């Protein structure tokens, strides 16, 4: 039995370069497609209840900000997502966080823990894409993988997102993609499986060499 629990060598060589590159934005690249996600918000709160929630959020975040000022290390968290690969259906079941919809504030950002943090949703997307790609590549390589768990971890400093320290980063400072495999195969075959998963996973490649993001209203 062989296990692979680290990304391919090219990921480890220079994390800042690998995760911080910038691609070019092309509105009509040949052979590419665009996906538009629509979010619809419907008012479900009375004005009184809304103001009560706003007051509670401000109080929660004020306490967190004071806590982070006094204890900067408390703002440094590692968020994560995990999924189990279904090789029979070429699918992935997200096992953590189990409540992906709707998304909301992380408890370290003032949330009450009811909803999944959007960063965890992003990590779950990486887990899903990597897991599905892994399953497809393993099938193509005729590898009999008995089970596979994919975990994505991202380090975040909440002093940045709460404006406690302007020098603190707002985005994730590190990403890790970890594969736990139960498979009888040579190390060479496992290395090839991970290499091809890295190469053809759309979410992984997007984060690996991110494109410029166009932000607009309407």
Foldseek 3Di string as FASTA:
>chain_A
DDWFWFAAPVCVPDVCQQQPAADEDDPDDPPDDDDDDDDDDDDPDDPVVVVVVVVLQVVLQVVLLVVCVVPVVVQKDKDKWKWKADLVVLWIQTPPPNAAPPADDDSSRRDPPPHHHVVHNLRVLLNGLLRSLLSVLCVVVVWDWPIKMKMKMFIAGSCCVSVSDVVGDGDTPGMTITMTTDTPDDPVVVSVSSVRSCVPRPSNNCSRHPYDDDDDDD
